[in-house]
């Protein structure tokens, strides 16, 4: 099985690219799905997060209020790094379990793991290939403001909290630019998929 890590900064269209790769027949695990899985109610991950950030990040039903937690960690780099260090081992374990299952079912398949901190965490070294999704910075800013109902200042702060796009691109085996919209991104994703299928034949 070809293991492919997919990453990119916030608001660049990673989820769209991941969904297209899924439509094309890849096994896909998206970052949000993994992040949600490790902080389900009464999970060890959620327990550790609450121990650090307090019960005010929980809703009345005991589930994580992601927007409250986000407001805390995006405003403070140290708190954000601490959250990542708490959750990262759980996320890696979840990814590895899924990859093992897929490999057992489909040894000649392609596994795509979408992970926001793939490069920052060093996690990219676990994969055979790395795809970096990127787009024009102004497009990124507008998408993020629209998607998360953020002011320009808030969106800029969230983008600035991450590794710059240009830095991430240096780690890529494949680049997918989503600046021109869905159809152009879909076309480029198809090209990358065909190249990955060729890689499997080697």
Protein backbone atom coordinates (compact mmCIF):
# COMPACT_ATOMS: atom_id res chain seq x y z
CA UNK A 1 0.00 0.00 0.00
CA UNK A 2 1.19 3.48 -0.85
CA UNK A 3 0.94 5.72 2.21
CA UNK A 4 0.45 9.38 1.31
CA UNK A 5 0.39 12.29 3.74
CA UNK A 6 -1.65 15.30 2.63
CA UNK A 7 -1.29 18.70 4.25
CA UNK A 8 -1.68 22.42 3.74
CA UNK A 9 -2.50 25.51 5.73
CA UNK A 10 -5.94 26.42 7.07
CA UNK A 11 -8.50 27.44 4.43
CA UNK A 12 -6.60 26.22 1.36
CA UNK A 13 -9.01 23.45 0.32
CA UNK A 14 -7.48 20.30 1.83
CA UNK A 15 -10.89 18.78 2.53
CA UNK A 16 -12.00 19.24 -1.08
CA UNK A 17 -8.85 17.61 -2.44
CA UNK A 18 -9.18 14.75 0.06
CA UNK A 19 -12.81 14.18 -1.00
CA UNK A 20 -11.82 14.05 -4.69
CA UNK A 21 -9.10 11.49 -3.93
CA UNK A 22 -11.74 9.46 -2.08
CA UNK A 23 -14.04 9.61 -5.12
CA UNK A 24 -11.15 8.35 -7.27
CA UNK A 25 -10.78 5.26 -5.08
CA UNK A 26 -8.21 6.16 -2.43
CA UNK A 27 -8.73 5.28 1.21
CA UNK A 28 -8.96 8.67 2.93
CA UNK A 29 -8.75 9.79 6.54
CA UNK A 30 -9.34 13.47 7.03
CA UNK A 31 -7.76 15.50 9.79
CA UNK A 32 -11.05 16.68 11.31
CA UNK A 33 -12.36 13.13 11.52
CA UNK A 34 -9.22 12.01 13.37
CA UNK A 35 -9.25 15.07 15.64
CA UNK A 36 -12.88 14.40 16.56
CA UNK A 37 -12.26 10.68 17.14
CA UNK A 38 -9.59 11.29 19.80
CA UNK A 39 -11.72 13.70 21.87
CA UNK A 40 -15.04 11.88 21.97
CA UNK A 41 -16.94 12.00 25.26
CA UNK A 42 -15.09 10.18 28.08
CA UNK A 43 -12.07 9.42 25.83
CA UNK A 44 -8.56 9.59 27.32
CA UNK A 45 -7.77 12.43 24.88
CA UNK A 46 -10.68 14.56 26.07
CA UNK A 47 -9.87 13.81 29.70
CA UNK A 48 -6.29 15.06 29.19
CA UNK A 49 -7.47 18.21 27.40
CA UNK A 50 -9.99 19.05 30.14
CA UNK A 51 -7.32 18.48 32.81
CA UNK A 52 -5.23 21.19 31.14
CA UNK A 53 -7.84 23.71 29.92
CA UNK A 54 -10.67 23.27 32.41
CA UNK A 55 -14.27 22.08 32.18
CA UNK A 56 -15.42 25.39 30.61
CA UNK A 57 -14.37 23.94 27.23
CA UNK A 58 -17.14 21.34 27.58
CA UNK A 59 -20.76 21.71 26.54
CA UNK A 60 -23.54 20.80 28.97
CA UNK A 61 -23.73 17.29 27.50
CA UNK A 62 -20.03 16.63 28.20
CA UNK A 63 -18.86 16.97 24.58
CA UNK A 64 -16.00 19.24 23.58
CA UNK A 65 -16.92 22.78 22.54
CA UNK A 66 -14.40 23.10 19.73
CA UNK A 67 -15.04 26.81 19.17
CA UNK A 68 -14.29 27.64 22.83
CA UNK A 69 -11.11 25.59 22.77
CA UNK A 70 -10.15 27.16 19.43
CA UNK A 71 -10.58 30.67 20.83
CA UNK A 72 -8.17 29.81 23.65
CA UNK A 73 -5.44 28.13 21.64
CA UNK A 74 -5.42 30.41 18.60
CA UNK A 75 -4.86 33.38 20.91
CA UNK A 76 -1.83 31.85 22.64
CA UNK A 77 1.00 30.01 20.86
CA UNK A 78 2.10 28.20 24.03
CA UNK A 79 -1.40 26.89 24.71
CA UNK A 80 -1.70 25.78 21.09
CA UNK A 81 1.61 23.90 21.24
CA UNK A 82 0.55 22.28 24.49
CA UNK A 83 -2.75 21.11 22.95
CA UNK A 84 -0.89 19.64 19.99
CA UNK A 85 1.52 17.82 22.28
CA UNK A 86 -1.40 16.33 24.26
CA UNK A 87 -3.39 15.15 21.25
CA UNK A 88 -0.64 14.21 18.83
CA UNK A 89 0.12 10.74 20.27
CA UNK A 90 -3.60 9.88 20.19
CA UNK A 91 -3.92 11.14 16.60
CA UNK A 92 -0.88 9.12 15.43
CA UNK A 93 -2.26 5.97 17.08
CA UNK A 94 -5.66 6.51 15.41
CA UNK A 95 -4.02 7.02 11.99
CA UNK A 96 -1.79 3.96 12.37
CA UNK A 97 -4.71 1.74 13.33
CA UNK A 98 -6.66 2.87 10.26
CA UNK A 99 -3.64 2.40 7.98
CA UNK A 100 -3.12 -1.16 9.26
CA UNK A 101 -6.78 -2.00 8.59
CA UNK A 102 -6.65 -0.59 5.06
CA UNK A 103 -3.40 -2.37 4.25
CA UNK A 104 -4.87 -5.69 5.36
CA UNK A 105 -7.96 -5.14 3.16
CA UNK A 106 -6.26 -3.61 0.12
CA UNK A 107 -2.47 -4.09 -0.03
CA UNK A 108 -2.30 -2.48 -3.49
CA UNK A 109 -4.37 0.56 -2.55
CA UNK A 110 -3.50 4.18 -1.87
CA UNK A 111 -4.03 5.57 1.64
CA UNK A 112 -4.40 9.34 2.03
CA UNK A 113 -4.05 10.83 5.51
CA UNK A 114 -4.96 14.51 5.71
CA UNK A 115 -3.05 16.01 8.63
CA UNK A 116 -2.75 19.74 9.31
CA UNK A 117 0.53 19.43 11.27
CA UNK A 118 2.08 16.72 9.09
CA UNK A 119 5.29 18.69 8.53
CA UNK A 120 5.53 20.58 11.83
CA UNK A 121 5.22 17.35 13.83
CA UNK A 122 7.72 15.43 11.69
CA UNK A 123 4.87 13.04 10.84
CA UNK A 124 5.59 13.36 7.11
CA UNK A 125 8.50 10.95 7.57
CA UNK A 126 6.00 8.13 8.16
CA UNK A 127 4.65 8.43 4.62
CA UNK A 128 5.89 7.31 1.19
CA UNK A 129 4.80 10.55 -0.48
CA UNK A 130 3.62 14.01 0.62
CA UNK A 131 1.00 16.18 -1.10
CA UNK A 132 0.85 19.87 -0.16
CA UNK A 133 -2.35 21.74 -1.01
CA UNK A 134 -1.90 25.50 -1.32
CA UNK A 135 -3.50 28.61 -2.75
CA UNK A 136 -3.02 32.33 -3.19
CA UNK A 137 -2.81 33.99 0.28
CA UNK A 138 -5.64 36.44 -0.43
CA UNK A 139 -7.89 33.58 -1.61
CA UNK A 140 -6.99 31.67 1.56
CA UNK A 141 -7.89 34.65 3.75
CA UNK A 142 -11.28 35.19 2.08
CA UNK A 143 -12.18 31.50 2.26
CA UNK A 144 -11.30 31.31 5.94
CA UNK A 145 -13.28 34.46 6.78
CA UNK A 146 -16.33 33.10 4.95
CA UNK A 147 -16.09 29.53 6.26
CA UNK A 148 -15.53 30.36 9.94
CA UNK A 149 -17.35 33.73 10.07
CA UNK A 150 -14.14 35.44 11.16
CA UNK A 151 -13.04 39.05 10.87
CA UNK A 152 -10.05 39.71 8.64
CA UNK A 153 -7.89 40.23 11.73
CA UNK A 154 -8.99 36.93 13.31
CA UNK A 155 -8.41 35.04 10.06
CA UNK A 156 -4.96 36.61 9.65
CA UNK A 157 -4.07 35.59 13.20
CA UNK A 158 -5.06 31.96 12.56
CA UNK A 159 -3.05 31.85 9.34
CA UNK A 160 -0.03 33.46 11.02
CA UNK A 161 -0.19 30.79 13.75
CA UNK A 162 0.74 28.12 11.19
CA UNK A 163 3.85 27.31 9.21
CA UNK A 164 3.91 29.54 6.07
CA UNK A 165 2.62 27.94 2.87
CA UNK A 166 5.93 28.53 1.08
CA UNK A 167 7.75 26.56 3.78
CA UNK A 168 5.32 23.63 3.57
CA UNK A 169 5.71 23.46 -0.21
CA UNK A 170 9.40 22.60 0.20
CA UNK A 171 8.41 19.20 1.64
CA UNK A 172 6.04 18.25 -1.17
CA UNK A 173 6.38 15.43 -3.66
CA UNK A 174 3.20 16.78 -5.27
CA UNK A 175 1.66 20.26 -5.17
CA UNK A 176 -2.03 21.01 -5.72
CA UNK A 177 -2.95 24.67 -6.20
CA UNK A 178 -6.64 25.43 -5.47
CA UNK A 179 -6.49 29.19 -6.21
CA UNK A 180 -8.48 28.90 -9.46
CA UNK A 181 -11.46 27.13 -7.91
CA UNK A 182 -12.97 23.66 -7.74
CA UNK A 183 -12.71 22.47 -11.33
CA UNK A 184 -9.03 23.37 -11.76
CA UNK A 185 -8.27 21.78 -8.39
CA UNK A 186 -10.22 18.64 -9.36
CA UNK A 187 -8.26 18.35 -12.61
CA UNK A 188 -4.90 18.71 -10.86
CA UNK A 189 -5.95 16.21 -8.16
CA UNK A 190 -6.76 13.71 -10.92
CA UNK A 191 -3.28 14.17 -12.37
CA UNK A 192 -1.69 13.54 -8.98
CA UNK A 193 -3.86 10.44 -8.49
CA UNK A 194 -2.69 9.00 -11.82
CA UNK A 195 0.93 9.62 -10.82
CA UNK A 196 0.35 7.83 -7.49
CA UNK A 197 -1.12 4.82 -9.32
CA UNK A 198 2.04 4.75 -11.45
CA UNK A 199 4.14 4.87 -8.26
CA UNK A 200 2.39 1.72 -7.06
CA UNK A 201 3.50 -0.17 -10.17
CA UNK A 202 7.18 0.50 -9.52
